[in-house]
C-alpha atoms as a PDB file:
ATOM      1  CA  MET A   1       0.000   0.000   0.000  1.00  0.00           C
ATOM      2  CA  SER A   2       1.265   3.475  -0.839  1.00  0.00           C
ATOM      3  CA  GLU A   3       2.038   5.974   1.870  1.00  0.00           C
ATOM      4  CA  TYR A   4       1.182   9.644   1.442  1.00  0.00           C
ATOM      5  CA  ILE A   5       2.843  12.616   3.053  1.00  0.00           C
ATOM      6  CA  GLU A   6       2.060  16.289   3.182  1.00  0.00           C
ATOM      7  CA  ARG A   7       4.670  17.865   0.947  1.00  0.00           C
ATOM      8  CA  GLY A   8       4.523  21.246   2.710  1.00  0.00           C
ATOM      9  CA  ALA A   9       5.308  19.691   6.102  1.00  0.00           C
ATOM     10  CA  LEU A  10       8.244  17.760   4.619  1.00  0.00           C
ATOM     11  CA  MET A  11       9.591  20.907   2.972  1.00  0.00           C
ATOM     12  CA  GLU A  12       9.390  22.764   6.290  1.00  0.00           C
ATOM     13  CA  GLU A  13      11.331  19.994   8.027  1.00  0.00           C
ATOM     14  CA  ILE A  14      13.964  19.994   5.266  1.00  0.00           C
ATOM     15  CA  ARG A  15      14.388  23.750   5.659  1.00  0.00           C
ATOM     16  CA  LYS A  16      15.020  23.296   9.396  1.00  0.00           C
ATOM     17  CA  HIS A  17      17.879  20.881   8.661  1.00  0.00           C
ATOM     18  CA  ILE A  18      19.131  22.307   5.370  1.00  0.00           C
ATOM     19  CA  GLU A  19      22.733  22.695   6.604  1.00  0.00           C
ATOM     20  CA  THR A  20      22.937  18.992   7.387  1.00  0.00           C
ATOM     21  CA  ILE A  21      21.183  17.465   4.356  1.00  0.00           C
ATOM     22  CA  GLY A  22      21.999  20.047   1.699  1.00  0.00           C
ATOM     23  CA  ILE A  23      19.876  22.076  -0.667  1.00  0.00           C
ATOM     24  CA  ASN A  24      19.473  19.232  -3.199  1.00  0.00           C
ATOM     25  CA  ALA A  25      16.972  17.459  -0.927  1.00  0.00           C
ATOM     26  CA  GLU A  26      14.610  20.457  -1.091  1.00  0.00           C
ATOM     27  CA  ARG A  27      14.854  20.570  -4.871  1.00  0.00           C
ATOM     28  CA  LEU A  28      14.249  16.830  -5.132  1.00  0.00           C
ATOM     29  CA  VAL A  29      11.047  16.968  -3.065  1.00  0.00           C
ATOM     30  CA  ALA A  30       9.819  20.022  -4.977  1.00  0.00           C
ATOM     31  CA  ARG A  31       9.978  18.058  -8.247  1.00  0.00           C
ATOM     32  CA  PHE A  32       7.467  15.443  -7.060  1.00  0.00           C
ATOM     33  CA  ALA A  33       3.839  16.026  -7.910  1.00  0.00           C
ATOM     34  CA  PRO A  34       1.386  15.917  -5.016  1.00  0.00           C
ATOM     35  CA  ALA A  35      -0.582  12.686  -4.669  1.00  0.00           C
ATOM     36  CA  ASP A  36      -4.183  12.748  -5.882  1.00  0.00           C
ATOM     37  CA  VAL A  37      -5.887  11.595  -2.693  1.00  0.00           C
ATOM     38  CA  GLU A  38      -9.045  12.511  -0.825  1.00  0.00           C
ATOM     39  CA  PRO A  39      -9.811  12.213   2.880  1.00  0.00           C
ATOM     40  CA  VAL A  40     -11.866   9.190   3.866  1.00  0.00           C
ATOM     41  CA  VAL A  41     -15.311  10.090   5.199  1.00  0.00           C
ATOM     42  CA  ARG A  42     -16.666   7.517   7.649  1.00  0.00           C
ATOM     43  CA  GLY A  43     -20.277   7.268   8.695  1.00  0.00           C
ATOM     44  CA  GLU A  44     -22.642   4.864  10.380  1.00  0.00           C
ATOM     45  CA  TRP A  45     -25.996   3.440   9.458  1.00  0.00           C
ATOM     46  CA  GLN A  46     -28.380   4.611  12.197  1.00  0.00           C
ATOM     47  CA  LYS A  47     -31.583   2.635  12.614  1.00  0.00           C
ATOM     48  CA  VAL A  48     -34.647   4.830  12.061  1.00  0.00           C
ATOM     49  CA  TYR A  49     -37.389   2.251  12.559  1.00  0.00           C
ATOM     50  CA  GLU A  50     -38.256  -1.406  12.081  1.00  0.00           C
ATOM     51  CA  ASN A  51     -40.802  -2.384   9.426  1.00  0.00           C
ATOM     52  CA  THR A  52     -42.260  -5.897   9.333  1.00  0.00           C
ATOM     53  CA  THR A  53     -42.627  -5.819   5.535  1.00  0.00           C
ATOM     54  CA  PHE A  54     -39.274  -4.399   4.444  1.00  0.00           C
ATOM     55  CA  GLY A  55     -37.139  -4.796   7.566  1.00  0.00           C
ATOM     56  CA  ALA A  56     -35.320  -1.974   9.296  1.00  0.00           C
ATOM     57  CA  MET A  57     -34.800   1.434   7.721  1.00  0.00           C
ATOM     58  CA  TYR A  58     -31.436   3.086   8.299  1.00  0.00           C
ATOM     59  CA  ARG A  59     -30.164   6.645   7.849  1.00  0.00           C
ATOM     60  CA  CYS A  60     -26.641   7.735   6.879  1.00  0.00           C
ATOM     61  CA  SER A  61     -25.067   9.698   9.745  1.00  0.00           C
ATOM     62  CA  ILE A  62     -23.317  11.988   7.232  1.00  0.00           C
ATOM     63  CA  CYS A  63     -25.957  13.016   4.663  1.00  0.00           C
ATOM     64  CA  GLY A  64     -29.229  11.621   6.051  1.00  0.00           C
ATOM     65  CA  GLU A  65     -29.955   9.303   3.086  1.00  0.00           C
ATOM     66  CA  THR A  66     -32.321   6.498   4.143  1.00  0.00           C
ATOM     67  CA  THR A  67     -32.381   2.941   2.865  1.00  0.00           C
ATOM     68  CA  PHE A  68     -33.329  -0.628   3.672  1.00  0.00           C
ATOM     69  CA  ASN A  69     -30.965  -3.613   3.387  1.00  0.00           C
ATOM     70  CA  VAL A  70     -27.865  -1.765   4.579  1.00  0.00           C
ATOM     71  CA  GLU A  71     -25.900  -5.009   4.586  1.00  0.00           C
ATOM     72  CA  ASN A  72     -25.692  -4.522   0.795  1.00  0.00           C
ATOM     73  CA  TYR A  73     -23.952  -1.142   1.159  1.00  0.00           C
ATOM     74  CA  LYS A  74     -20.365  -0.691   2.324  1.00  0.00           C
ATOM     75  CA  TYR A  75     -20.647   2.943   1.189  1.00  0.00           C
ATOM     76  CA  CYS A  76     -23.556   5.379   1.315  1.00  0.00           C
ATOM     77  CA  PRO A  77     -25.041   5.474  -2.208  1.00  0.00           C
ATOM     78  CA  LYS A  78     -25.645   9.237  -1.937  1.00  0.00           C
ATOM     79  CA  CYS A  79     -22.530  10.773  -0.308  1.00  0.00           C
ATOM     80  CA  GLY A  80     -20.000   7.933  -0.661  1.00  0.00           C
ATOM     81  CA  ALA A  81     -19.122   7.741   3.050  1.00  0.00           C
ATOM     82  CA  HIS A  82     -17.557   4.448   4.182  1.00  0.00           C
ATOM     83  CA  MET A  83     -20.271   2.900   6.336  1.00  0.00           C
ATOM     84  CA  SER A  84     -20.408   0.727   9.433  1.00  0.00           C
ATOM     85  CA  MET A  85     -23.340  -0.325  11.553  1.00  0.00           C
ATOM     86  CA  GLU A  86     -24.348   2.038  14.347  1.00  0.00           C
ATOM     87  CA  ARG A  87     -22.577   1.549  17.670  1.00  0.00           C
ATOM     88  CA  SER A  88     -25.081   3.361  19.834  1.00  0.00           C
ATOM     89  CA  GLY A  89     -28.693   2.421  20.430  1.00  0.00           C
ATOM     90  CA  SER A  90     -29.999   5.782  19.229  1.00  0.00           C
ATOM     91  CA  GLY A  91     -32.992   5.921  16.957  1.00  0.00           C
ATOM     92  CA  GLU A  92     -34.454   2.603  18.024  1.00  0.00           C
END
C-alpha cells in the first residue's frame, strides 16, 4: 500500500535541517507532484425504525440518506461515506 505525506510539512522539516542534508533534498522533493488523494469520510448506518414488511430502515449519519438492506452497502449510495453499523442504540 502506498504511503502519502504532506509535501509542505516535509519541505518545512527539510528547511530546518538544510545545513545537514543540503539544498538538493529540497529541490528533489519540490519536483514530485502531489498525490491525488481525498480524505476518507466515515459514517454509520443509524436505525430509524423497524418495518415488518421491508425490515429496518437506516439513515446515513453523514448526509441523512435512508435505505433498507444496509448489509448490501459498504458505502452510502448518496454521499459515498464508508459505512459501518451504528454503535449506539440511538434511533431505536
